[in-house]
Amino acid sequence: MDNETIVYRLDKIDKQLSELVELSKQTALQEVRIAQVEKDTHNLQNDISDVKLKVGALEKRGGDIALKWVGIIGGGIVSILLGYIAIRLGLK
């Protein structure tokens, strides 16, 4: 082998090595990005769980308020009916 062939092969190997180093850097960067996406996904799952709990509490709260008013109105109607019946029977 002559000197030019050796230099050509070394240049070719150096170029391939540079490409491999660049690919390695890109792979490492992608690994960091993937780790960040996994972390963000986990945080989003926690946020979604919190939102579900808050929505459930709000839904229950609205129902509790409605039941409270239904109870008050129902109690008033029952009191009026009992009063009417008592008056009709003569229990003043």
PDB file of N, CA and C in Angstrom:
ATOM      1  N   MET A   1       0.832  -1.177   0.000  1.00  0.00           N
ATOM      2  CA  MET A   1       0.000   0.000   0.000  1.00  0.00           C
ATOM      3  C   MET A   1       0.879   1.244   0.000  1.00  0.00           C
ATOM      4  N   ASP A   2       0.428   2.153  -0.775  1.00  0.00           N
ATOM      5  CA  ASP A   2       1.189   3.392  -0.817  1.00  0.00           C
ATOM      6  C   ASP A   2       0.621   4.390   0.190  1.00  0.00           C
ATOM      7  N   ASN A   3       1.299   5.468   0.337  1.00  0.00           N
ATOM      8  CA  ASN A   3       0.966   6.485   1.330  1.00  0.00           C
ATOM      9  C   ASN A   3      -0.386   7.132   1.049  1.00  0.00           C
ATOM     10  N   GLU A   4      -0.721   7.348  -0.212  1.00  0.00           N
ATOM     11  CA  GLU A   4      -1.994   7.991  -0.569  1.00  0.00           C
ATOM     12  C   GLU A   4      -3.176   7.108  -0.195  1.00  0.00           C
ATOM     13  N   THR A   5      -3.041   5.815  -0.396  1.00  0.00           N
ATOM     14  CA  THR A   5      -4.111   4.885  -0.053  1.00  0.00           C
ATOM     15  C   THR A   5      -4.345   4.884   1.451  1.00  0.00           C
ATOM     16  N   ILE A   6      -3.258   4.897   2.206  1.00  0.00           N
ATOM     17  CA  ILE A   6      -3.371   4.912   3.665  1.00  0.00           C
ATOM     18  C   ILE A   6      -4.050   6.194   4.130  1.00  0.00           C
ATOM     19  N   VAL A   7      -3.644   7.315   3.576  1.00  0.00           N
ATOM     20  CA  VAL A   7      -4.240   8.602   3.945  1.00  0.00           C
ATOM     21  C   VAL A   7      -5.719   8.610   3.569  1.00  0.00           C
ATOM     22  N   TYR A   8      -6.056   8.078   2.393  1.00  0.00           N
ATOM     23  CA  TYR A   8      -7.450   8.031   1.949  1.00  0.00           C
ATOM     24  C   TYR A   8      -8.288   7.199   2.920  1.00  0.00           C
ATOM     25  N   ARG A   9      -7.768   6.035   3.288  1.00  0.00           N
ATOM     26  CA  ARG A   9      -8.506   5.167   4.213  1.00  0.00           C
ATOM     27  C   ARG A   9      -8.638   5.802   5.588  1.00  0.00           C
ATOM     28  N   LEU A  10      -7.577   6.438   6.053  1.00  0.00           N
ATOM     29  CA  LEU A  10      -7.654   7.112   7.357  1.00  0.00           C
ATOM     30  C   LEU A  10      -8.673   8.254   7.324  1.00  0.00           C
ATOM     31  N   ASP A  11      -8.697   9.000   6.226  1.00  0.00           N
ATOM     32  CA  ASP A  11      -9.697  10.058   6.090  1.00  0.00           C
ATOM     33  C   ASP A  11     -11.110   9.487   6.092  1.00  0.00           C
ATOM     34  N   LYS A  12     -11.288   8.382   5.389  1.00  0.00           N
ATOM     35  CA  LYS A  12     -12.592   7.735   5.333  1.00  0.00           C
ATOM     36  C   LYS A  12     -13.013   7.255   6.725  1.00  0.00           C
ATOM     37  N   ILE A  13     -12.085   6.640   7.445  1.00  0.00           N
ATOM     38  CA  ILE A  13     -12.363   6.166   8.802  1.00  0.00           C
ATOM     39  C   ILE A  13     -12.649   7.349   9.725  1.00  0.00           C
ATOM     40  N   ASP A  14     -11.887   8.431   9.576  1.00  0.00           N
ATOM     41  CA  ASP A  14     -12.107   9.621  10.387  1.00  0.00           C
ATOM     42  C   ASP A  14     -13.494  10.213  10.127  1.00  0.00           C
ATOM     43  N   LYS A  15     -13.907  10.227   8.870  1.00  0.00           N
ATOM     44  CA  LYS A  15     -15.239  10.737   8.521  1.00  0.00           C
ATOM     45  C   LYS A  15     -16.326   9.855   9.132  1.00  0.00           C
ATOM     46  N   GLN A  16     -16.164   8.552   9.040  1.00  0.00           N
ATOM     47  CA  GLN A  16     -17.138   7.634   9.624  1.00  0.00           C
ATOM     48  C   GLN A  16     -17.190   7.786  11.148  1.00  0.00           C
ATOM     49  N   LEU A  17     -16.018   7.969  11.752  1.00  0.00           N
ATOM     50  CA  LEU A  17     -15.952   8.166  13.198  1.00  0.00           C
ATOM     51  C   LEU A  17     -16.668   9.461  13.594  1.00  0.00           C
ATOM     52  N   SER A  18     -16.477  10.509  12.811  1.00  0.00           N
ATOM     53  CA  SER A  18     -17.160  11.776  13.075  1.00  0.00           C
ATOM     54  C   SER A  18     -18.680  11.606  12.972  1.00  0.00           C
ATOM     55  N   GLU A  19     -19.116  10.851  11.974  1.00  0.00           N
ATOM     56  CA  GLU A  19     -20.552  10.601  11.821  1.00  0.00           C
ATOM     57  C   GLU A  19     -21.096   9.822  13.018  1.00  0.00           C
ATOM     58  N   LEU A  20     -20.335   8.832  13.477  1.00  0.00           N
ATOM     59  CA  LEU A  20     -20.764   8.043  14.629  1.00  0.00           C
ATOM     60  C   LEU A  20     -20.815   8.886  15.906  1.00  0.00           C
ATOM     61  N   VAL A  21     -19.841   9.771  16.071  1.00  0.00           N
ATOM     62  CA  VAL A  21     -19.840  10.663  17.236  1.00  0.00           C
ATOM     63  C   VAL A  21     -21.053  11.587  17.183  1.00  0.00           C
ATOM     64  N   GLU A  22     -21.354  12.105  15.997  1.00  0.00           N
ATOM     65  CA  GLU A  22     -22.523  12.984  15.837  1.00  0.00           C
ATOM     66  C   GLU A  22     -23.811  12.220  16.148  1.00  0.00           C
ATOM     67  N   LEU A  23     -23.920  10.997  15.655  1.00  0.00           N
ATOM     68  CA  LEU A  23     -25.089  10.172  15.949  1.00  0.00           C
ATOM     69  C   LEU A  23     -25.203   9.892  17.450  1.00  0.00           C
ATOM     70  N   SER A  24     -24.073   9.655  18.073  1.00  0.00           N
ATOM     71  CA  SER A  24     -24.061   9.406  19.515  1.00  0.00           C
ATOM     72  C   SER A  24     -24.556  10.632  20.282  1.00  0.00           C
ATOM     73  N   LYS A  25     -24.111  11.829  19.858  1.00  0.00           N
ATOM     74  CA  LYS A  25     -24.566  13.068  20.494  1.00  0.00           C
ATOM     75  C   LYS A  25     -26.071  13.251  20.310  1.00  0.00           C
ATOM     76  N   GLN A  26     -26.543  12.983  19.089  1.00  0.00           N
ATOM     77  CA  GLN A  26     -27.971  13.127  18.813  1.00  0.00           C
ATOM     78  C   GLN A  26     -28.787  12.133  19.645  1.00  0.00           C
ATOM     79  N   THR A  27     -28.265  10.925  19.782  1.00  0.00           N
ATOM     80  CA  THR A  27     -28.945   9.911  20.576  1.00  0.00           C
ATOM     81  C   THR A  27     -29.019  10.345  22.044  1.00  0.00           C
ATOM     82  N   ALA A  28     -27.933  10.860  22.564  1.00  0.00           N
ATOM     83  CA  ALA A  28     -27.931  11.332  23.951  1.00  0.00           C
ATOM     84  C   ALA A  28     -28.929  12.469  24.137  1.00  0.00           C
ATOM     85  N   LEU A  29     -28.983  13.382  23.180  1.00  0.00           N
ATOM     86  CA  LEU A  29     -29.935  14.487  23.245  1.00  0.00           C
ATOM     87  C   LEU A  29     -31.369  13.965  23.206  1.00  0.00           C
ATOM     88  N   GLN A  30     -31.611  12.985  22.345  1.00  0.00           N
ATOM     89  CA  GLN A  30     -32.951  12.399  22.265  1.00  0.00           C
ATOM     90  C   GLN A  30     -33.323  11.702  23.569  1.00  0.00           C
ATOM     91  N   GLU A  31     -32.363  11.064  24.214  1.00  0.00           N
ATOM     92  CA  GLU A  31     -32.626  10.414  25.500  1.00  0.00           C
ATOM     93  C   GLU A  31     -33.030  11.441  26.553  1.00  0.00           C
ATOM     94  N   VAL A  32     -32.359  12.583  26.552  1.00  0.00           N
ATOM     95  CA  VAL A  32     -32.710  13.653  27.491  1.00  0.00           C
ATOM     96  C   VAL A  32     -34.116  14.167  27.199  1.00  0.00           C
ATOM     97  N   ARG A  33     -34.413  14.348  25.924  1.00  0.00           N
ATOM     98  CA  ARG A  33     -35.751  14.827  25.542  1.00  0.00           C
ATOM     99  C   ARG A  33     -36.824  13.817  25.928  1.00  0.00           C
ATOM    100  N   ILE A  34     -36.561  12.552  25.714  1.00  0.00           N
ATOM    101  CA  ILE A  34     -37.521  11.502  26.077  1.00  0.00           C
ATOM    102  C   ILE A  34     -37.741  11.485  27.579  1.00  0.00           C
ATOM    103  N   ALA A  35     -36.666  11.621  28.346  1.00  0.00           N
ATOM    104  CA  ALA A  35     -36.803  11.658  29.804  1.00  0.00           C
ATOM    105  C   ALA A  35     -37.658  12.846  30.226  1.00  0.00           C
ATOM    106  N   GLN A  36     -37.472  13.996  29.586  1.00  0.00           N
ATOM    107  CA  GLN A  36     -38.259  15.184  29.910  1.00  0.00           C
ATOM    108  C   GLN A  36     -39.728  14.972  29.550  1.00  0.00           C
ATOM    109  N   VAL A  37     -39.973  14.336  28.406  1.00  0.00           N
ATOM    110  CA  VAL A  37     -41.353  14.056  28.001  1.00  0.00           C
ATOM    111  C   VAL A  37     -42.015  13.100  28.991  1.00  0.00           C
ATOM    112  N   GLU A  38     -41.275  12.092  29.450  1.00  0.00           N
ATOM    113  CA  GLU A  38     -41.815  11.162  30.441  1.00  0.00           C
ATOM    114  C   GLU A  38     -42.156  11.898  31.736  1.00  0.00           C
ATOM    115  N   LYS A  39     -41.277  12.797  32.154  1.00  0.00           N
ATOM    116  CA  LYS A  39     -41.519  13.571  33.368  1.00  0.00           C
ATOM    117  C   LYS A  39     -42.750  14.460  33.194  1.00  0.00           C
ATOM    118  N   ASP A  40     -42.841  15.140  32.053  1.00  0.00           N
ATOM    119  CA  ASP A  40     -43.995  15.997  31.779  1.00  0.00           C
ATOM    120  C   ASP A  40     -45.285  15.187  31.732  1.00  0.00           C
ATOM    121  N   THR A  41     -45.223  13.998  31.123  1.00  0.00           N
ATOM    122  CA  THR A  41     -46.399  13.134  31.053  1.00  0.00           C
ATOM    123  C   THR A  41     -46.850  12.726  32.439  1.00  0.00           C
ATOM    124  N   HIS A  42     -45.890  12.384  33.292  1.00  0.00           N
ATOM    125  CA  HIS A  42     -46.221  12.012  34.674  1.00  0.00           C
ATOM    126  C   HIS A  42     -46.860  13.191  35.401  1.00  0.00           C
ATOM    127  N   ASN A  43     -46.310  14.392  35.217  1.00  0.00           N
ATOM    128  CA  ASN A  43     -46.878  15.580  35.849  1.00  0.00           C
ATOM    129  C   ASN A  43     -48.285  15.848  35.334  1.00  0.00           C
ATOM    130  N   LEU A  44     -48.500  15.657  34.041  1.00  0.00           N
ATOM    131  CA  LEU A  44     -49.829  15.853  33.467  1.00  0.00           C
ATOM    132  C   LEU A  44     -50.823  14.841  34.019  1.00  0.00           C
ATOM    133  N   GLN A  45     -50.381  13.616  34.216  1.00  0.00           N
ATOM    134  CA  GLN A  45     -51.266  12.604  34.799  1.00  0.00           C
ATOM    135  C   GLN A  45     -51.668  13.001  36.213  1.00  0.00           C
ATOM    136  N   ASN A  46     -50.724  13.529  36.981  1.00  0.00           N
ATOM    137  CA  ASN A  46     -51.046  14.000  38.328  1.00  0.00           C
ATOM    138  C   ASN A  46     -52.020  15.171  38.275  1.00  0.00           C
ATOM    139  N   ASP A  47     -51.788  16.086  37.332  1.00  0.00           N
ATOM    140  CA  ASP A  47     -52.689  17.234  37.186  1.00  0.00           C
ATOM    141  C   ASP A  47     -54.087  16.784  36.794  1.00  0.00           C
ATOM    142  N   ILE A  48     -54.175  15.804  35.903  1.00  0.00           N
ATOM    143  CA  ILE A  48     -55.474  15.290  35.481  1.00  0.00           C
ATOM    144  C   ILE A  48     -56.194  14.643  36.658  1.00  0.00           C
ATOM    145  N   SER A  49     -55.461  13.909  37.482  1.00  0.00           N
ATOM    146  CA  SER A  49     -56.065  13.305  38.670  1.00  0.00           C
ATOM    147  C   SER A  49     -56.603  14.381  39.603  1.00  0.00           C
ATOM    148  N   ASP A  50     -55.833  15.443  39.801  1.00  0.00           N
ATOM    149  CA  ASP A  50     -56.283  16.551  40.652  1.00  0.00           C
ATOM    150  C   ASP A  50     -57.535  17.204  40.082  1.00  0.00           C
ATOM    151  N   VAL A  51     -57.552  17.410  38.772  1.00  0.00           N
ATOM    152  CA  VAL A  51     -58.711  18.033  38.131  1.00  0.00           C
ATOM    153  C   VAL A  51     -59.941  17.143  38.288  1.00  0.00           C
ATOM    154  N   LYS A  52     -59.764  15.833  38.116  1.00  0.00           N
ATOM    155  CA  LYS A  52     -60.888  14.912  38.290  1.00  0.00           C
ATOM    156  C   LYS A  52     -61.446  15.000  39.703  1.00  0.00           C
ATOM    157  N   LEU A  53     -60.567  15.058  40.693  1.00  0.00           N
ATOM    158  CA  LEU A  53     -61.026  15.171  42.080  1.00  0.00           C
ATOM    159  C   LEU A  53     -61.782  16.478  42.302  1.00  0.00           C
ATOM    160  N   LYS A  54     -61.261  17.571  41.763  1.00  0.00           N
ATOM    161  CA  LYS A  54     -61.916  18.866  41.932  1.00  0.00           C
ATOM    162  C   LYS A  54     -63.267  18.902  41.226  1.00  0.00           C
ATOM    163  N   VAL A  55     -63.334  18.333  40.025  1.00  0.00           N
ATOM    164  CA  VAL A  55     -64.603  18.300  39.296  1.00  0.00           C
ATOM    165  C   VAL A  55     -65.613  17.445  40.052  1.00  0.00           C
ATOM    166  N   GLY A  56     -65.157  16.322  40.574  1.00  0.00           N
ATOM    167  CA  GLY A  56     -66.047  15.471  41.365  1.00  0.00           C
ATOM    168  C   GLY A  56     -66.578  16.203  42.592  1.00  0.00           C
ATOM    169  N   ALA A  57     -65.694  16.950  43.245  1.00  0.00           N
ATOM    170  CA  ALA A  57     -66.123  17.714  44.420  1.00  0.00           C
ATOM    171  C   ALA A  57     -67.132  18.785  44.030  1.00  0.00           C
ATOM    172  N   LEU A  58     -66.896  19.456  42.897  1.00  0.00           N
ATOM    173  CA  LEU A  58     -67.841  20.477  42.438  1.00  0.00           C
ATOM    174  C   LEU A  58     -69.188  19.863  42.071  1.00  0.00           C
ATOM    175  N   GLU A  59     -69.156  18.718  41.416  1.00  0.00           N
ATOM    176  CA  GLU A  59     -70.411  18.056  41.062  1.00  0.00           C
ATOM    177  C   GLU A  59     -71.173  17.646  42.309  1.00  0.00           C
ATOM    178  N   LYS A  60     -70.474  17.117  43.280  1.00  0.00           N
ATOM    179  CA  LYS A  60     -71.116  16.702  44.524  1.00  0.00           C
ATOM    180  C   LYS A  60     -71.636  17.921  45.273  1.00  0.00           C
ATOM    181  N   ARG A  61     -70.887  18.981  45.256  1.00  0.00           N
ATOM    182  CA  ARG A  61     -71.279  20.196  45.960  1.00  0.00           C
ATOM    183  C   ARG A  61     -72.597  20.735  45.405  1.00  0.00           C
ATOM    184  N   GLY A  62     -72.717  20.774  44.093  1.00  0.00           N
ATOM    185  CA  GLY A  62     -73.955  21.231  43.476  1.00  0.00           C
ATOM    186  C   GLY A  62     -75.123  20.350  43.874  1.00  0.00           C
ATOM    187  N   GLY A  63     -74.914  19.059  43.924  1.00  0.00           N
ATOM    188  CA  GLY A  63     -75.954  18.130  44.341  1.00  0.00           C
ATOM    189  C   GLY A  63     -76.313  18.316  45.795  1.00  0.00           C
ATOM    190  N   ASP A  64     -75.329  18.566  46.643  1.00  0.00           N
ATOM    191  CA  ASP A  64     -75.584  18.789  48.066  1.00  0.00           C
ATOM    192  C   ASP A  64     -76.429  20.036  48.269  1.00  0.00           C
ATOM    193  N   ILE A  65     -76.101  21.087  47.536  1.00  0.00           N
ATOM    194  CA  ILE A  65     -76.869  22.333  47.665  1.00  0.00           C
ATOM    195  C   ILE A  65     -78.295  22.102  47.189  1.00  0.00           C
ATOM    196  N   ALA A  66     -78.457  21.401  46.070  1.00  0.00           N
ATOM    197  CA  ALA A  66     -79.798  21.126  45.550  1.00  0.00           C
ATOM    198  C   ALA A  66     -80.592  20.283  46.544  1.00  0.00           C
ATOM    199  N   LEU A  67     -79.965  19.258  47.119  1.00  0.00           N
ATOM    200  CA  LEU A  67     -80.667  18.427  48.104  1.00  0.00           C
ATOM    201  C   LEU A  67     -81.040  19.226  49.342  1.00  0.00           C
ATOM    202  N   LYS A  68     -80.187  20.154  49.741  1.00  0.00           N
ATOM    203  CA  LYS A  68     -80.489  20.995  50.896  1.00  0.00           C
ATOM    204  C   LYS A  68     -81.753  21.814  50.630  1.00  0.00           C
ATOM    205  N   TRP A  69     -81.821  22.443  49.454  1.00  0.00           N
ATOM    206  CA  TRP A  69     -83.002  23.249  49.116  1.00  0.00           C
ATOM    207  C   TRP A  69     -84.241  22.387  48.957  1.00  0.00           C
ATOM    208  N   VAL A  70     -84.090  21.216  48.365  1.00  0.00           N
ATOM    209  CA  VAL A  70     -85.234  20.306  48.245  1.00  0.00           C
ATOM    210  C   VAL A  70     -85.725  19.911  49.640  1.00  0.00           C
ATOM    211  N   GLY A  71     -84.805  19.668  50.548  1.00  0.00           N
ATOM    212  CA  GLY A  71     -85.180  19.324  51.923  1.00  0.00           C
ATOM    213  C   GLY A  71     -85.917  20.462  52.617  1.00  0.00           C
ATOM    214  N   ILE A  72     -85.423  21.682  52.434  1.00  0.00           N
ATOM    215  CA  ILE A  72     -86.069  22.839  53.057  1.00  0.00           C
ATOM    216  C   ILE A  72     -87.472  23.041  52.483  1.00  0.00           C
ATOM    217  N   ILE A  73     -87.561  22.996  51.161  1.00  0.00           N
ATOM    218  CA  ILE A  73     -88.866  23.188  50.510  1.00  0.00           C
ATOM    219  C   ILE A  73     -89.820  22.048  50.883  1.00  0.00           C
ATOM    220  N   GLY A  74     -89.310  20.825  50.858  1.00  0.00           N
ATOM    221  CA  GLY A  74     -90.143  19.674  51.238  1.00  0.00           C
ATOM    222  C   GLY A  74     -90.615  19.777  52.679  1.00  0.00           C
ATOM    223  N   GLY A  75     -89.733  20.189  53.574  1.00  0.00           N
ATOM    224  CA  GLY A  75     -90.114  20.364  54.981  1.00  0.00           C
ATOM    225  C   GLY A  75     -91.174  21.443  55.134  1.00  0.00           C
ATOM    226  N   GLY A  76     -91.041  22.516  54.372  1.00  0.00           N
ATOM    227  CA  GLY A  76     -92.046  23.586  54.413  1.00  0.00           C
ATOM    228  C   GLY A  76     -93.396  23.101  53.939  1.00  0.00           C
ATOM    229  N   ILE A  77     -93.416  22.337  52.859  1.00  0.00           N
ATOM    230  CA  ILE A  77     -94.681  21.815  52.320  1.00  0.00           C
ATOM    231  C   ILE A  77     -95.328  20.860  53.318  1.00  0.00           C
ATOM    232  N   VAL A  78     -94.516  19.983  53.917  1.00  0.00           N
ATOM    233  CA  VAL A  78     -95.044  19.051  54.912  1.00  0.00           C
ATOM    234  C   VAL A  78     -95.601  19.819  56.106  1.00  0.00           C
ATOM    235  N   SER A  79     -94.901  20.864  56.545  1.00  0.00           N
ATOM    236  CA  SER A  79     -95.390  21.674  57.679  1.00  0.00           C
ATOM    237  C   SER A  79     -96.712  22.351  57.337  1.00  0.00           C
ATOM    238  N   ILE A  80     -96.824  22.878  56.138  1.00  0.00           N
ATOM    239  CA  ILE A  80     -98.072  23.523  55.717  1.00  0.00           C
ATOM    240  C   ILE A  80     -99.212  22.497  55.681  1.00  0.00           C
ATOM    241  N   LEU A  81     -98.947  21.323  55.128  1.00  0.00           N
ATOM    242  CA  LEU A  81     -99.982  20.281  55.076  1.00  0.00           C
ATOM    243  C   LEU A  81    -100.407  19.839  56.469  1.00  0.00           C
ATOM    244  N   LEU A  82     -99.441  19.627  57.356  1.00  0.00           N
ATOM    245  CA  LEU A  82     -99.784  19.224  58.726  1.00  0.00           C
ATOM    246  C   LEU A  82    -100.572  20.323  59.433  1.00  0.00           C
ATOM    247  N   GLY A  83    -100.181  21.578  59.213  1.00  0.00           N
ATOM    248  CA  GLY A  83    -100.930  22.693  59.792  1.00  0.00           C
ATOM    249  C   GLY A  83    -102.349  22.746  59.251  1.00  0.00           C
ATOM    250  N   TYR A  84    -102.533  22.546  57.970  1.00  0.00           N
ATOM    251  CA  TYR A  84    -103.850  22.562  57.352  1.00  0.00           C
ATOM    252  C   TYR A  84    -104.714  21.429  57.916  1.00  0.00           C
ATOM    253  N   ILE A  85    -104.120  20.248  58.014  1.00  0.00           N
ATOM    254  CA  ILE A  85    -104.874  19.113  58.557  1.00  0.00           C
ATOM    255  C   ILE A  85    -105.238  19.372  60.018  1.00  0.00           C
ATOM    256  N   ALA A  86    -104.321  19.938  60.789  1.00  0.00           N
ATOM    257  CA  ALA A  86    -104.604  20.230  62.195  1.00  0.00           C
ATOM    258  C   ALA A  86    -105.742  21.249  62.310  1.00  0.00           C
ATOM    259  N   ILE A  87    -105.750  22.258  61.456  1.00  0.00           N
ATOM    260  CA  ILE A  87    -106.805  23.260  61.489  1.00  0.00           C
ATOM    261  C   ILE A  87    -108.133  22.625  61.088  1.00  0.00           C
ATOM    262  N   ARG A  88    -108.146  21.778  60.105  1.00  0.00           N
ATOM    263  CA  ARG A  88    -109.386  21.128  59.635  1.00  0.00           C
ATOM    264  C   ARG A  88    -109.949  20.224  60.721  1.00  0.00           C
ATOM    265  N   LEU A  89    -109.032  19.614  61.495  1.00  0.00           N
ATOM    266  CA  LEU A  89    -109.512  18.740  62.578  1.00  0.00           C
ATOM    267  C   LEU A  89    -109.889  19.544  63.817  1.00  0.00           C
ATOM    268  N   GLY A  90    -109.555  20.794  63.840  1.00  0.00           N
ATOM    269  CA  GLY A  90    -109.901  21.625  64.967  1.00  0.00           C
ATOM    270  C   GLY A  90    -108.844  21.646  66.045  1.00  0.00           C
ATOM    271  N   LEU A  91    -107.657  21.329  65.753  1.00  0.00           N
ATOM    272  CA  LEU A  91    -106.558  21.340  66.729  1.00  0.00           C
ATOM    273  C   LEU A  91    -105.792  22.646  66.614  1.00  0.00           C
ATOM    274  N   LYS A  92    -106.361  23.693  67.188  1.00  0.00           N
ATOM    275  CA  LYS A  92    -105.714  24.992  67.084  1.00  0.00           C
ATOM    276  C   LYS A  92    -104.650  25.141  68.114  1.00  0.00           C
TER     277      LYS A  92
END
